N, C-alpha and C. Protein backbone atom coordinates (compact mmCIF):
# COMPACT_ATOMS: atom_id res chain seq x y z
N UNK A 1 -74.00 54.45 -140.99
CA UNK A 1 -73.84 53.03 -140.71
C UNK A 1 -72.59 52.45 -141.37
N UNK A 2 -71.86 53.22 -142.15
CA UNK A 2 -70.65 52.73 -142.78
C UNK A 2 -69.61 52.27 -141.77
N UNK A 3 -69.62 52.89 -140.60
CA UNK A 3 -68.64 52.52 -139.58
C UNK A 3 -68.82 51.09 -139.12
N UNK A 4 -70.05 50.65 -138.90
CA UNK A 4 -70.31 49.29 -138.43
C UNK A 4 -69.86 48.26 -139.46
N UNK A 5 -70.11 48.55 -140.71
CA UNK A 5 -69.69 47.62 -141.76
C UNK A 5 -68.16 47.54 -141.79
N UNK A 6 -67.52 48.69 -141.72
CA UNK A 6 -66.06 48.74 -141.73
C UNK A 6 -65.49 48.02 -140.52
N UNK A 7 -66.12 48.18 -139.37
CA UNK A 7 -65.64 47.57 -138.13
C UNK A 7 -65.72 46.05 -138.17
N UNK A 8 -66.73 45.52 -138.83
CA UNK A 8 -66.94 44.07 -138.86
C UNK A 8 -66.12 43.36 -139.92
N UNK A 9 -65.53 44.11 -140.82
CA UNK A 9 -64.76 43.49 -141.90
C UNK A 9 -63.42 43.01 -141.35
N UNK A 10 -63.09 41.74 -141.54
CA UNK A 10 -61.81 41.22 -141.03
C UNK A 10 -60.63 41.93 -141.67
N UNK A 11 -59.58 42.13 -140.86
CA UNK A 11 -58.34 42.73 -141.36
C UNK A 11 -57.19 41.82 -140.98
N UNK A 12 -56.24 41.73 -141.88
CA UNK A 12 -55.04 40.95 -141.59
C UNK A 12 -54.05 41.85 -140.88
N UNK A 13 -53.28 41.25 -140.02
CA UNK A 13 -52.26 42.00 -139.29
C UNK A 13 -50.90 41.58 -139.83
N UNK A 14 -50.70 41.76 -141.12
CA UNK A 14 -49.42 41.49 -141.74
C UNK A 14 -48.88 40.10 -141.52
N UNK A 15 -49.75 39.11 -141.48
CA UNK A 15 -49.31 37.74 -141.32
C UNK A 15 -48.90 37.39 -139.91
N UNK A 16 -49.22 38.22 -138.95
CA UNK A 16 -48.85 37.96 -137.55
C UNK A 16 -49.64 36.79 -136.99
N UNK A 17 -48.95 35.94 -136.25
CA UNK A 17 -49.58 34.82 -135.58
C UNK A 17 -49.24 34.89 -134.10
N UNK A 18 -50.19 34.53 -133.25
CA UNK A 18 -49.96 34.50 -131.81
C UNK A 18 -48.79 33.56 -131.53
N UNK A 19 -47.84 34.02 -130.73
CA UNK A 19 -46.68 33.21 -130.37
C UNK A 19 -45.54 33.26 -131.38
N UNK A 20 -45.71 34.05 -132.43
CA UNK A 20 -44.71 34.15 -133.48
C UNK A 20 -43.41 34.75 -132.92
N UNK A 21 -42.29 34.38 -133.52
CA UNK A 21 -40.99 34.93 -133.15
C UNK A 21 -40.99 36.42 -133.43
N UNK A 22 -40.85 37.22 -132.40
CA UNK A 22 -40.92 38.67 -132.56
C UNK A 22 -39.62 39.29 -133.02
N UNK A 23 -38.54 38.53 -133.05
CA UNK A 23 -37.26 39.08 -133.45
C UNK A 23 -37.22 39.49 -134.92
N UNK A 24 -38.20 39.02 -135.69
CA UNK A 24 -38.23 39.34 -137.12
C UNK A 24 -38.87 40.70 -137.40
N UNK A 25 -39.48 41.33 -136.38
CA UNK A 25 -40.18 42.59 -136.56
C UNK A 25 -39.32 43.78 -136.13
N UNK A 26 -39.47 44.89 -136.86
CA UNK A 26 -38.84 46.14 -136.45
C UNK A 26 -39.67 46.75 -135.32
N UNK A 27 -39.13 47.75 -134.67
CA UNK A 27 -39.87 48.45 -133.61
C UNK A 27 -41.16 49.03 -134.17
N UNK A 28 -41.09 49.61 -135.34
CA UNK A 28 -42.27 50.21 -135.97
C UNK A 28 -43.33 49.15 -136.25
N UNK A 29 -42.90 47.99 -136.73
CA UNK A 29 -43.85 46.91 -137.01
C UNK A 29 -44.49 46.40 -135.72
N UNK A 30 -43.70 46.32 -134.67
CA UNK A 30 -44.25 45.89 -133.37
C UNK A 30 -45.27 46.91 -132.88
N UNK A 31 -44.93 48.20 -132.99
CA UNK A 31 -45.86 49.25 -132.56
C UNK A 31 -47.16 49.19 -133.36
N UNK A 32 -47.05 48.94 -134.67
CA UNK A 32 -48.24 48.85 -135.51
C UNK A 32 -49.12 47.67 -135.08
N UNK A 33 -48.50 46.55 -134.81
CA UNK A 33 -49.26 45.37 -134.39
C UNK A 33 -49.91 45.58 -133.03
N UNK A 34 -49.19 46.23 -132.12
CA UNK A 34 -49.76 46.54 -130.81
C UNK A 34 -50.99 47.41 -130.97
N UNK A 35 -50.90 48.42 -131.81
CA UNK A 35 -52.03 49.32 -132.05
C UNK A 35 -53.23 48.56 -132.63
N UNK A 36 -52.97 47.74 -133.63
CA UNK A 36 -54.05 46.96 -134.24
C UNK A 36 -54.67 45.98 -133.25
N UNK A 37 -53.84 45.35 -132.44
CA UNK A 37 -54.37 44.41 -131.45
C UNK A 37 -55.17 45.12 -130.37
N UNK A 38 -54.74 46.32 -129.97
CA UNK A 38 -55.53 47.10 -128.99
C UNK A 38 -56.89 47.46 -129.57
N UNK A 39 -56.91 47.85 -130.84
CA UNK A 39 -58.19 48.15 -131.50
C UNK A 39 -59.08 46.92 -131.52
N UNK A 40 -58.50 45.77 -131.79
CA UNK A 40 -59.27 44.53 -131.85
C UNK A 40 -59.79 44.16 -130.46
N UNK A 41 -58.98 44.35 -129.43
CA UNK A 41 -59.43 44.09 -128.06
C UNK A 41 -60.60 45.00 -127.72
N UNK A 42 -60.52 46.27 -128.07
CA UNK A 42 -61.62 47.21 -127.80
C UNK A 42 -62.89 46.77 -128.54
N UNK A 43 -62.73 46.31 -129.77
CA UNK A 43 -63.89 45.84 -130.55
C UNK A 43 -64.52 44.61 -129.88
N UNK A 44 -63.68 43.70 -129.42
CA UNK A 44 -64.18 42.52 -128.73
C UNK A 44 -64.90 42.89 -127.43
N UNK A 45 -64.34 43.83 -126.70
CA UNK A 45 -64.97 44.26 -125.44
C UNK A 45 -66.32 44.93 -125.70
N UNK A 46 -66.41 45.76 -126.75
CA UNK A 46 -67.70 46.37 -127.09
C UNK A 46 -68.73 45.31 -127.43
N UNK A 47 -68.32 44.32 -128.20
CA UNK A 47 -69.24 43.26 -128.58
C UNK A 47 -69.68 42.46 -127.36
N UNK A 48 -68.73 42.15 -126.48
CA UNK A 48 -69.07 41.43 -125.25
C UNK A 48 -70.05 42.24 -124.41
N UNK A 49 -69.83 43.56 -124.29
CA UNK A 49 -70.72 44.41 -123.50
C UNK A 49 -72.13 44.43 -124.10
N UNK A 50 -72.22 44.49 -125.42
CA UNK A 50 -73.53 44.46 -126.08
C UNK A 50 -74.24 43.15 -125.79
N UNK A 51 -73.52 42.05 -125.91
CA UNK A 51 -74.12 40.74 -125.67
C UNK A 51 -74.52 40.57 -124.21
N UNK A 52 -73.72 41.11 -123.30
CA UNK A 52 -74.06 41.04 -121.88
C UNK A 52 -75.34 41.81 -121.61
N UNK A 53 -75.47 42.98 -122.21
CA UNK A 53 -76.69 43.79 -122.04
C UNK A 53 -77.90 43.07 -122.64
N UNK A 54 -77.73 42.46 -123.80
CA UNK A 54 -78.83 41.72 -124.41
C UNK A 54 -79.25 40.54 -123.54
N UNK A 55 -78.28 39.83 -122.99
CA UNK A 55 -78.59 38.70 -122.12
C UNK A 55 -79.32 39.16 -120.87
N UNK A 56 -78.86 40.25 -120.28
CA UNK A 56 -79.50 40.79 -119.07
C UNK A 56 -80.94 41.18 -119.36
N UNK A 57 -81.17 41.79 -120.53
CA UNK A 57 -82.53 42.19 -120.91
C UNK A 57 -83.40 40.95 -121.09
N UNK A 58 -82.89 39.94 -121.75
CA UNK A 58 -83.65 38.70 -121.95
C UNK A 58 -83.91 38.00 -120.61
N UNK A 59 -82.88 37.95 -119.76
CA UNK A 59 -83.05 37.32 -118.45
C UNK A 59 -84.11 38.04 -117.63
N UNK A 60 -84.16 39.36 -117.71
CA UNK A 60 -85.13 40.10 -116.92
C UNK A 60 -86.55 39.84 -117.43
N UNK A 61 -86.70 39.64 -118.72
CA UNK A 61 -88.02 39.34 -119.29
C UNK A 61 -88.47 37.96 -118.83
N UNK A 62 -87.59 36.97 -118.93
CA UNK A 62 -87.98 35.61 -118.60
C UNK A 62 -88.01 35.36 -117.09
N UNK A 63 -87.26 36.10 -116.33
CA UNK A 63 -87.24 35.94 -114.88
C UNK A 63 -88.52 36.48 -114.25
N UNK A 64 -89.16 37.44 -114.91
CA UNK A 64 -90.37 38.04 -114.33
C UNK A 64 -91.61 37.20 -114.57
N UNK A 65 -91.49 36.13 -115.28
CA UNK A 65 -92.67 35.28 -115.57
C UNK A 65 -92.86 34.23 -114.53
């Protein structure tokens, strides 16, 4: 279960802000941020999928009544 705890812990992306001037970053820094953001998108999608499944299960229980 250590993975779930690690996954839920917030991480900073080196002070990056959405819409920030990208000219201040090196290619390596941009690649690092892209990688971190892709990981975050995947985490968000997994969470959304879990919540969608939970909602569907709840809807099926209450719809059958």
